[in-house]
PDB file of N, CA and C in Angstrom:
ATOM      1  N   MET A   1       9.720 -12.862   9.400  1.00  0.00           N
ATOM      2  CA  MET A   1       8.766 -13.321   7.835  1.00  0.00           C
ATOM      3  C   MET A   1       9.684 -12.040   6.966  1.00  0.00           C
ATOM      4  N   SER A   2       9.791 -12.941   5.595  1.00  0.00           N
ATOM      5  CA  SER A   2      10.325 -11.911   4.856  1.00  0.00           C
ATOM      6  C   SER A   2       9.613 -10.836   4.520  1.00  0.00           C
ATOM      7  N   SER A   3       9.935  -9.803   3.500  1.00  0.00           N
ATOM      8  CA  SER A   3       9.408  -8.682   3.034  1.00  0.00           C
ATOM      9  C   SER A   3       8.209  -9.308   2.053  1.00  0.00           C
ATOM     10  N   GLU A   4       8.452 -10.099   1.573  1.00  0.00           N
ATOM     11  CA  GLU A   4       7.155 -10.649   0.403  1.00  0.00           C
ATOM     12  C   GLU A   4       6.107 -11.395   1.273  1.00  0.00           C
ATOM     13  N   GLU A   5       6.709 -11.971   2.409  1.00  0.00           N
ATOM     14  CA  GLU A   5       5.529 -12.845   3.333  1.00  0.00           C
ATOM     15  C   GLU A   5       4.483 -11.431   3.886  1.00  0.00           C
ATOM     16  N   LEU A   6       5.443 -10.773   4.304  1.00  0.00           N
ATOM     17  CA  LEU A   6       4.574  -9.466   5.157  1.00  0.00           C
ATOM     18  C   LEU A   6       3.480  -9.124   4.117  1.00  0.00           C
ATOM     19  N   ASN A   7       4.153  -8.321   3.141  1.00  0.00           N
ATOM     20  CA  ASN A   7       3.221  -7.900   1.909  1.00  0.00           C
ATOM     21  C   ASN A   7       1.802  -8.730   1.572  1.00  0.00           C
ATOM     22  N   SER A   8       2.341  -9.875   1.607  1.00  0.00           N
ATOM     23  CA  SER A   8       1.019 -10.947   0.929  1.00  0.00           C
ATOM     24  C   SER A   8       0.089 -10.933   2.356  1.00  0.00           C
ATOM     25  N   LEU A   9       0.524 -11.251   3.192  1.00  0.00           N
ATOM     26  CA  LEU A   9      -0.410 -11.025   4.728  1.00  0.00           C
ATOM     27  C   LEU A   9      -1.200  -9.691   4.656  1.00  0.00           C
ATOM     28  N   ALA A  10      -0.364  -8.578   4.551  1.00  0.00           N
ATOM     29  CA  ALA A  10      -1.231  -7.272   4.472  1.00  0.00           C
ATOM     30  C   ALA A  10      -2.295  -7.288   3.376  1.00  0.00           C
ATOM     31  N   TRP A  11      -1.527  -7.610   2.185  1.00  0.00           N
ATOM     32  CA  TRP A  11      -2.622  -7.372   1.140  1.00  0.00           C
ATOM     33  C   TRP A  11      -4.108  -8.334   1.300  1.00  0.00           C
ATOM     34  N   ASN A  12      -3.223  -9.625   1.847  1.00  0.00           N
ATOM     35  CA  ASN A  12      -4.926 -10.374   2.075  1.00  0.00           C
ATOM     36  C   ASN A  12      -5.840  -9.715   3.356  1.00  0.00           C
ATOM     37  N   PHE A  13      -4.867  -9.056   3.994  1.00  0.00           N
ATOM     38  CA  PHE A  13      -6.174  -8.278   4.917  1.00  0.00           C
ATOM     39  C   PHE A  13      -6.776  -7.218   4.249  1.00  0.00           C
ATOM     40  N   PHE A  14      -6.109  -6.637   3.515  1.00  0.00           N
ATOM     41  CA  PHE A  14      -6.886  -5.183   2.838  1.00  0.00           C
ATOM     42  C   PHE A  14      -8.044  -5.885   1.949  1.00  0.00           C
ATOM     43  N   GLU A  15      -7.552  -7.117   1.444  1.00  0.00           N
ATOM     44  CA  GLU A  15      -8.891  -7.390   0.291  1.00  0.00           C
ATOM     45  C   GLU A  15      -9.832  -7.996   1.497  1.00  0.00           C
ATOM     46  N   ASN A  16      -9.784  -8.549   2.339  1.00  0.00           N
ATOM     47  CA  ASN A  16     -10.670  -9.676   3.032  1.00  0.00           C
ATOM     48  C   ASN A  16     -11.194  -8.975   4.662  1.00  0.00           C
ATOM     49  N   VAL A  17     -10.594  -7.561   5.067  1.00  0.00           N
ATOM     50  CA  VAL A  17     -11.045  -7.586   6.490  1.00  0.00           C
ATOM     51  C   VAL A  17     -11.816  -5.790   6.402  1.00  0.00           C
ATOM     52  N   THR A  18     -12.459  -5.841   7.127  1.00  0.00           N
ATOM     53  CA  THR A  18     -13.310  -4.420   7.437  1.00  0.00           C
ATOM     54  C   THR A  18     -12.958  -3.896   8.620  1.00  0.00           C
ATOM     55  N   ASN A  19     -12.710  -4.628   9.643  1.00  0.00           N
ATOM     56  CA  ASN A  19     -12.252  -4.424  11.170  1.00  0.00           C
ATOM     57  C   ASN A  19     -11.128  -3.251  11.032  1.00  0.00           C
ATOM     58  N   LYS A  20     -11.426  -2.232  11.622  1.00  0.00           N
ATOM     59  CA  LYS A  20     -10.753  -1.138  11.294  1.00  0.00           C
ATOM     60  C   LYS A  20      -8.892  -1.568  12.125  1.00  0.00           C
ATOM     61  N   ALA A  21      -9.083  -2.026  13.545  1.00  0.00           N
ATOM     62  CA  ALA A  21      -8.052  -2.478  14.652  1.00  0.00           C
ATOM     63  C   ALA A  21      -7.169  -3.662  13.776  1.00  0.00           C
ATOM     64  N   SER A  22      -8.076  -4.285  12.986  1.00  0.00           N
ATOM     65  CA  SER A  22      -7.346  -5.615  12.166  1.00  0.00           C
ATOM     66  C   SER A  22      -6.435  -4.816  11.418  1.00  0.00           C
ATOM     67  N   LEU A  23      -6.973  -3.882  10.421  1.00  0.00           N
ATOM     68  CA  LEU A  23      -6.408  -3.218   9.202  1.00  0.00           C
ATOM     69  C   LEU A  23      -5.236  -2.577   9.368  1.00  0.00           C
ATOM     70  N   GLU A  24      -5.320  -1.705  11.008  1.00  0.00           N
ATOM     71  CA  GLU A  24      -4.145  -1.018  11.212  1.00  0.00           C
ATOM     72  C   GLU A  24      -3.130  -2.187  11.880  1.00  0.00           C
ATOM     73  N   LYS A  25      -3.165  -3.477  11.885  1.00  0.00           N
ATOM     74  CA  LYS A  25      -2.040  -4.342  12.132  1.00  0.00           C
ATOM     75  C   LYS A  25      -1.475  -4.547  10.848  1.00  0.00           C
ATOM     76  N   ALA A  26      -2.332  -4.503   9.695  1.00  0.00           N
ATOM     77  CA  ALA A  26      -1.634  -4.972   8.415  1.00  0.00           C
ATOM     78  C   ALA A  26      -0.946  -3.812   8.160  1.00  0.00           C
ATOM     79  N   VAL A  27      -1.452  -2.309   8.369  1.00  0.00           N
ATOM     80  CA  VAL A  27      -0.536  -1.316   8.185  1.00  0.00           C
ATOM     81  C   VAL A  27       1.043  -1.372   8.650  1.00  0.00           C
ATOM     82  N   ALA A  28       0.611  -1.898   9.654  1.00  0.00           N
ATOM     83  CA  ALA A  28       2.150  -2.484  10.645  1.00  0.00           C
ATOM     84  C   ALA A  28       2.849  -3.355   9.648  1.00  0.00           C
ATOM     85  N   TRP A  29       2.111  -4.523   9.116  1.00  0.00           N
ATOM     86  CA  TRP A  29       2.993  -5.304   8.672  1.00  0.00           C
ATOM     87  C   TRP A  29       3.820  -4.825   7.396  1.00  0.00           C
ATOM     88  N   ALA A  30       2.697  -3.958   6.451  1.00  0.00           N
ATOM     89  CA  ALA A  30       2.971  -3.514   5.245  1.00  0.00           C
ATOM     90  C   ALA A  30       4.577  -2.570   5.662  1.00  0.00           C
ATOM     91  N   GLN A  31       4.514  -1.947   6.637  1.00  0.00           N
ATOM     92  CA  GLN A  31       5.555  -0.833   7.003  1.00  0.00           C
ATOM     93  C   GLN A  31       6.660  -1.427   7.142  1.00  0.00           C
ATOM     94  N   GLU A  32       6.658  -2.579   7.736  1.00  0.00           N
ATOM     95  CA  GLU A  32       7.789  -3.636   8.017  1.00  0.00           C
ATOM     96  C   GLU A  32       8.196  -4.412   6.876  1.00  0.00           C
ATOM     97  N   SER A  33       7.615  -4.444   6.124  1.00  0.00           N
ATOM     98  CA  SER A  33       7.669  -5.005   4.634  1.00  0.00           C
ATOM     99  C   SER A  33       8.192  -3.954   3.967  1.00  0.00           C
ATOM    100  N   VAL A  34       7.809  -2.641   3.476  1.00  0.00           N
ATOM    101  CA  VAL A  34       8.798  -1.681   2.957  1.00  0.00           C
ATOM    102  C   VAL A  34      10.064  -1.472   3.957  1.00  0.00           C
ATOM    103  N   LYS A  35      10.206  -1.669   5.063  1.00  0.00           N
ATOM    104  CA  LYS A  35      11.562  -1.356   5.696  1.00  0.00           C
ATOM    105  C   LYS A  35      12.223  -2.351   5.427  1.00  0.00           C
ATOM    106  N   LYS A  36      12.097  -3.629   5.164  1.00  0.00           N
ATOM    107  CA  LYS A  36      12.877  -4.772   4.704  1.00  0.00           C
ATOM    108  C   LYS A  36      13.370  -4.830   3.293  1.00  0.00           C
ATOM    109  N   ASN A  37      12.601  -4.247   2.424  1.00  0.00           N
ATOM    110  CA  ASN A  37      12.689  -4.017   1.016  1.00  0.00           C
ATOM    111  C   ASN A  37      11.870  -3.706   0.270  1.00  0.00           C
ATOM    112  N   GLU A  38      11.990  -1.882   0.008  1.00  0.00           N
ATOM    113  CA  GLU A  38      10.861  -1.296  -0.388  1.00  0.00           C
ATOM    114  C   GLU A  38      10.580  -1.362  -1.741  1.00  0.00           C
ATOM    115  N   ASN A  39       9.551  -1.564  -2.542  1.00  0.00           N
ATOM    116  CA  ASN A  39       9.204  -1.973  -3.707  1.00  0.00           C
ATOM    117  C   ASN A  39       8.235  -1.441  -4.204  1.00  0.00           C
ATOM    118  N   TYR A  40       7.773  -1.983  -5.555  1.00  0.00           N
ATOM    119  CA  TYR A  40       6.509  -1.571  -5.909  1.00  0.00           C
ATOM    120  C   TYR A  40       5.210  -2.106  -5.218  1.00  0.00           C
ATOM    121  N   ALA A  41       5.528  -3.196  -5.067  1.00  0.00           N
ATOM    122  CA  ALA A  41       4.264  -4.310  -4.590  1.00  0.00           C
ATOM    123  C   ALA A  41       3.991  -3.447  -2.953  1.00  0.00           C
ATOM    124  N   ASN A  42       4.642  -3.476  -2.107  1.00  0.00           N
ATOM    125  CA  ASN A  42       4.687  -3.283  -0.857  1.00  0.00           C
ATOM    126  C   ASN A  42       4.201  -2.015  -0.836  1.00  0.00           C
ATOM    127  N   THR A  43       5.121  -0.947  -1.168  1.00  0.00           N
ATOM    128  CA  THR A  43       4.447   0.507  -1.324  1.00  0.00           C
ATOM    129  C   THR A  43       2.946   0.741  -1.739  1.00  0.00           C
ATOM    130  N   ASP A  44       2.187  -0.222  -2.766  1.00  0.00           N
ATOM    131  CA  ASP A  44       1.237  -0.231  -3.111  1.00  0.00           C
ATOM    132  C   ASP A  44       0.210  -0.803  -2.188  1.00  0.00           C
ATOM    133  N   THR A  45       0.492  -1.531  -1.552  1.00  0.00           N
ATOM    134  CA  THR A  45      -0.277  -2.311  -0.426  1.00  0.00           C
ATOM    135  C   THR A  45      -0.201  -1.360   0.925  1.00  0.00           C
ATOM    136  N   LEU A  46       0.821  -0.492   0.762  1.00  0.00           N
ATOM    137  CA  LEU A  46       0.525   0.272   2.350  1.00  0.00           C
ATOM    138  C   LEU A  46      -0.266   1.376   1.581  1.00  0.00           C
ATOM    139  N   ALA A  47      -0.037   2.166   0.531  1.00  0.00           N
ATOM    140  CA  ALA A  47      -0.932   2.982   0.177  1.00  0.00           C
ATOM    141  C   ALA A  47      -2.582   2.685   0.206  1.00  0.00           C
ATOM    142  N   ASN A  48      -3.168   1.284  -0.049  1.00  0.00           N
ATOM    143  CA  ASN A  48      -4.130   1.105  -0.171  1.00  0.00           C
ATOM    144  C   ASN A  48      -4.567   0.922   1.082  1.00  0.00           C
ATOM    145  N   LEU A  49      -3.862   0.370   2.208  1.00  0.00           N
ATOM    146  CA  LEU A  49      -4.388   0.048   3.582  1.00  0.00           C
ATOM    147  C   LEU A  49      -4.474   1.496   3.882  1.00  0.00           C
ATOM    148  N   TYR A  50      -3.901   2.415   3.832  1.00  0.00           N
ATOM    149  CA  TYR A  50      -3.762   3.897   4.500  1.00  0.00           C
ATOM    150  C   TYR A  50      -5.275   4.330   3.858  1.00  0.00           C
ATOM    151  N   ASN A  51      -5.462   4.174   2.927  1.00  0.00           N
ATOM    152  CA  ASN A  51      -6.924   4.545   2.229  1.00  0.00           C
ATOM    153  C   ASN A  51      -8.066   4.021   2.571  1.00  0.00           C
ATOM    154  N   LYS A  52      -7.904   2.263   3.163  1.00  0.00           N
ATOM    155  CA  LYS A  52      -8.619   1.728   3.542  1.00  0.00           C
ATOM    156  C   LYS A  52      -9.111   2.231   5.067  1.00  0.00           C
ATOM    157  N   VAL A  53      -8.313   2.937   5.614  1.00  0.00           N
ATOM    158  CA  VAL A  53      -8.237   2.912   7.643  1.00  0.00           C
ATOM    159  C   VAL A  53      -8.581   4.516   7.543  1.00  0.00           C
ATOM    160  N   GLY A  54      -8.781   5.369   6.468  1.00  0.00           N
ATOM    161  CA  GLY A  54      -8.918   6.681   6.638  1.00  0.00           C
ATOM    162  C   GLY A  54      -8.037   7.498   6.273  1.00  0.00           C
ATOM    163  N   ASP A  55      -6.647   7.015   6.340  1.00  0.00           N
ATOM    164  CA  ASP A  55      -5.339   8.157   6.356  1.00  0.00           C
ATOM    165  C   ASP A  55      -5.111   8.447   5.022  1.00  0.00           C
ATOM    166  N   LYS A  56      -6.119   9.398   4.572  1.00  0.00           N
ATOM    167  CA  LYS A  56      -5.884   9.952   2.882  1.00  0.00           C
ATOM    168  C   LYS A  56      -4.443  10.685   2.873  1.00  0.00           C
ATOM    169  N   LYS A  57      -3.679  11.178   3.766  1.00  0.00           N
ATOM    170  CA  LYS A  57      -2.847  11.949   3.614  1.00  0.00           C
ATOM    171  C   LYS A  57      -1.566  10.939   3.279  1.00  0.00           C
ATOM    172  N   ASN A  58      -1.661  10.074   3.838  1.00  0.00           N
ATOM    173  CA  ASN A  58      -0.354   9.249   3.781  1.00  0.00           C
ATOM    174  C   ASN A  58      -0.718   8.143   2.807  1.00  0.00           C
ATOM    175  N   ALA A  59      -1.995   7.668   2.331  1.00  0.00           N
ATOM    176  CA  ALA A  59      -2.407   6.958   0.924  1.00  0.00           C
ATOM    177  C   ALA A  59      -1.642   7.473  -0.392  1.00  0.00           C
ATOM    178  N   LYS A  60      -1.628   9.251  -0.147  1.00  0.00           N
ATOM    179  CA  LYS A  60      -1.615   9.827  -1.259  1.00  0.00           C
ATOM    180  C   LYS A  60       0.137   9.885  -1.002  1.00  0.00           C
ATOM    181  N   LEU A  61       0.747  10.159  -0.230  1.00  0.00           N
ATOM    182  CA  LEU A  61       2.080   9.972  -0.524  1.00  0.00           C
ATOM    183  C   LEU A  61       2.851   8.503  -0.643  1.00  0.00           C
ATOM    184  N   TRP A  62       2.156   7.246  -0.235  1.00  0.00           N
ATOM    185  CA  TRP A  62       2.591   6.340  -0.557  1.00  0.00           C
ATOM    186  C   TRP A  62       2.355   5.747  -1.929  1.00  0.00           C
ATOM    187  N   ALA A  63       0.852   6.285  -2.352  1.00  0.00           N
ATOM    188  CA  ALA A  63       0.522   5.873  -3.839  1.00  0.00           C
ATOM    189  C   ALA A  63       1.900   6.798  -4.814  1.00  0.00           C
ATOM    190  N   GLU A  64       2.129   7.852  -4.710  1.00  0.00           N
ATOM    191  CA  GLU A  64       2.900   8.839  -5.405  1.00  0.00           C
ATOM    192  C   GLU A  64       4.357   8.276  -5.166  1.00  0.00           C
ATOM    193  N   LYS A  65       4.857   7.491  -4.288  1.00  0.00           N
ATOM    194  CA  LYS A  65       6.145   6.762  -3.953  1.00  0.00           C
ATOM    195  C   LYS A  65       5.992   5.355  -4.987  1.00  0.00           C
ATOM    196  N   SER A  66       4.825   4.853  -4.612  1.00  0.00           N
ATOM    197  CA  SER A  66       4.876   3.634  -5.444  1.00  0.00           C
ATOM    198  C   SER A  66       4.961   3.725  -6.966  1.00  0.00           C
ATOM    199  N   ILE A  67       4.260   4.546  -7.291  1.00  0.00           N
ATOM    200  CA  ILE A  67       3.846   5.028  -8.910  1.00  0.00           C
ATOM    201  C   ILE A  67       5.217   5.186  -9.345  1.00  0.00           C
ATOM    202  N   ALA A  68       6.238   6.081  -8.574  1.00  0.00           N
ATOM    203  CA  ALA A  68       7.906   6.113  -8.865  1.00  0.00           C
ATOM    204  C   ALA A  68       8.391   5.001  -9.053  1.00  0.00           C
ATOM    205  N   LEU A  69       8.210   4.086  -7.690  1.00  0.00           N
ATOM    206  CA  LEU A  69       9.352   3.073  -8.193  1.00  0.00           C
ATOM    207  C   LEU A  69       8.466   1.882  -8.959  1.00  0.00           C
ATOM    208  N   ALA A  70       7.174   1.952  -9.444  1.00  0.00           N
ATOM    209  CA  ALA A  70       6.818   1.190 -10.602  1.00  0.00           C
ATOM    210  C   ALA A  70       7.465   1.484 -12.173  1.00  0.00           C
ATOM    211  N   LYS A  71       7.472   2.952 -12.275  1.00  0.00           N
ATOM    212  CA  LYS A  71       8.405   3.334 -13.286  1.00  0.00           C
ATOM    213  C   LYS A  71       9.595   3.189 -13.475  1.00  0.00           C
ATOM    214  N   LYS A  72      10.679   3.241 -12.453  1.00  0.00           N
ATOM    215  CA  LYS A  72      12.129   2.907 -12.312  1.00  0.00           C
ATOM    216  C   LYS A  72      12.098   1.421 -12.692  1.00  0.00           C
ATOM    217  N   SER A  73      11.156   0.338 -12.039  1.00  0.00           N
ATOM    218  CA  SER A  73      11.273  -0.676 -12.526  1.00  0.00           C
ATOM    219  C   SER A  73      10.523  -1.326 -13.870  1.00  0.00           C
ATOM    220  N   GLY A  74       9.986  -0.712 -14.408  1.00  0.00           N
ATOM    221  CA  GLY A  74       8.969  -0.713 -15.329  1.00  0.00           C
ATOM    222  C   GLY A  74       7.623  -1.636 -15.192  1.00  0.00           C
ATOM    223  N   GLU A  75       7.346  -1.655 -14.108  1.00  0.00           N
ATOM    224  CA  GLU A  75       6.168  -2.395 -13.534  1.00  0.00           C
ATOM    225  C   GLU A  75       5.370  -1.543 -14.170  1.00  0.00           C
ATOM    226  N   ASP A  76       3.822  -2.320 -14.055  1.00  0.00           N
ATOM    227  CA  ASP A  76       2.386  -1.589 -14.754  1.00  0.00           C
ATOM    228  C   ASP A  76       1.914  -0.750 -13.437  1.00  0.00           C
ATOM    229  N   SER A  77       1.715   0.651 -13.038  1.00  0.00           N
ATOM    230  CA  SER A  77       1.263   0.969 -11.886  1.00  0.00           C
ATOM    231  C   SER A  77      -0.139   1.645 -12.280  1.00  0.00           C
ATOM    232  N   ALA A  78      -1.010   1.266 -12.978  1.00  0.00           N
ATOM    233  CA  ALA A  78      -2.390   1.483 -13.308  1.00  0.00           C
ATOM    234  C   ALA A  78      -3.206   1.767 -12.297  1.00  0.00           C
ATOM    235  N   ASP A  79      -3.231   0.331 -11.526  1.00  0.00           N
ATOM    236  CA  ASP A  79      -4.219   0.280 -10.303  1.00  0.00           C
ATOM    237  C   ASP A  79      -3.950   1.458  -9.094  1.00  0.00           C
ATOM    238  N   THR A  80      -2.723   1.847  -9.113  1.00  0.00           N
ATOM    239  CA  THR A  80      -2.015   2.840  -8.115  1.00  0.00           C
ATOM    240  C   THR A  80      -2.441   4.085  -8.660  1.00  0.00           C
ATOM    241  N   GLU A  81      -2.170   4.376 -10.005  1.00  0.00           N
ATOM    242  CA  GLU A  81      -2.533   5.704 -10.275  1.00  0.00           C
ATOM    243  C   GLU A  81      -4.125   6.190 -10.188  1.00  0.00           C
ATOM    244  N   LYS A  82      -5.054   5.143 -10.411  1.00  0.00           N
ATOM    245  CA  LYS A  82      -6.339   4.904 -10.362  1.00  0.00           C
ATOM    246  C   LYS A  82      -6.639   5.172  -8.540  1.00  0.00           C
ATOM    247  N   LEU A  83      -5.993   4.944  -7.873  1.00  0.00           N
ATOM    248  CA  LEU A  83      -5.923   5.119  -6.327  1.00  0.00           C
ATOM    249  C   LEU A  83      -5.877   6.641  -5.850  1.00  0.00           C
ATOM    250  N   LEU A  84      -4.514   7.075  -6.705  1.00  0.00           N
ATOM    251  CA  LEU A  84      -4.341   8.297  -6.210  1.00  0.00           C
ATOM    252  C   LEU A  84      -4.981   9.563  -7.363  1.00  0.00           C
ATOM    253  N   LYS A  85      -5.642   9.131  -8.569  1.00  0.00           N
ATOM    254  CA  LYS A  85      -6.855  10.335  -8.776  1.00  0.00           C
ATOM    255  C   LYS A  85      -7.625   9.682  -8.071  1.00  0.00           C
ATOM    256  N   SER A  86      -8.199   8.967  -7.233  1.00  0.00           N
ATOM    257  CA  SER A  86      -9.279   9.116  -6.470  1.00  0.00           C
ATOM    258  C   SER A  86      -9.216   9.822  -5.117  1.00  0.00           C
ATOM    259  N   LEU A  87      -7.628   9.644  -4.718  1.00  0.00           N
ATOM    260  CA  LEU A  87      -7.589  10.490  -3.653  1.00  0.00           C
ATOM    261  C   LEU A  87      -7.443  12.064  -3.821  1.00  0.00           C
ATOM    262  N   THR A  88      -7.194  12.344  -4.963  1.00  0.00           N
ATOM    263  CA  THR A  88      -6.735  13.983  -5.443  1.00  0.00           C
ATOM    264  C   THR A  88      -7.976  14.260  -5.595  1.00  0.00           C
ATOM    265  N   ILE A  89      -9.344  13.776  -6.007  1.00  0.00           N
ATOM    266  CA  ILE A  89     -10.744  14.365  -6.332  1.00  0.00           C
ATOM    267  C   ILE A  89     -10.833  14.782  -5.020  1.00  0.00           C
ATOM    268  N   GLN A  90     -11.101  13.928  -4.000  1.00  0.00           N
ATOM    269  CA  GLN A  90     -11.485  14.052  -2.877  1.00  0.00           C
ATOM    270  C   GLN A  90     -11.393  15.437  -2.002  1.00  0.00           C
TER     271      GLN A  90
END
């Protein structure tokens, strides 16, 4: 599967799945997507998935990386910035 397909699958799980074991599979897909082609979209997916499975430390790390990539490529990172802010408050 391509980086984009893996990211799409992982994001679909983020939006629709609550089972932690299934979400951890989605984390692995997002990690693979990032390995193949690191970009704003898949690092944002990874940050959100880490947050959803309760791994706040990795969620924060990947949210920061995602925002930096968005700034480099001129993409809007408002949603990721909201995630980061929510992680910093806790």
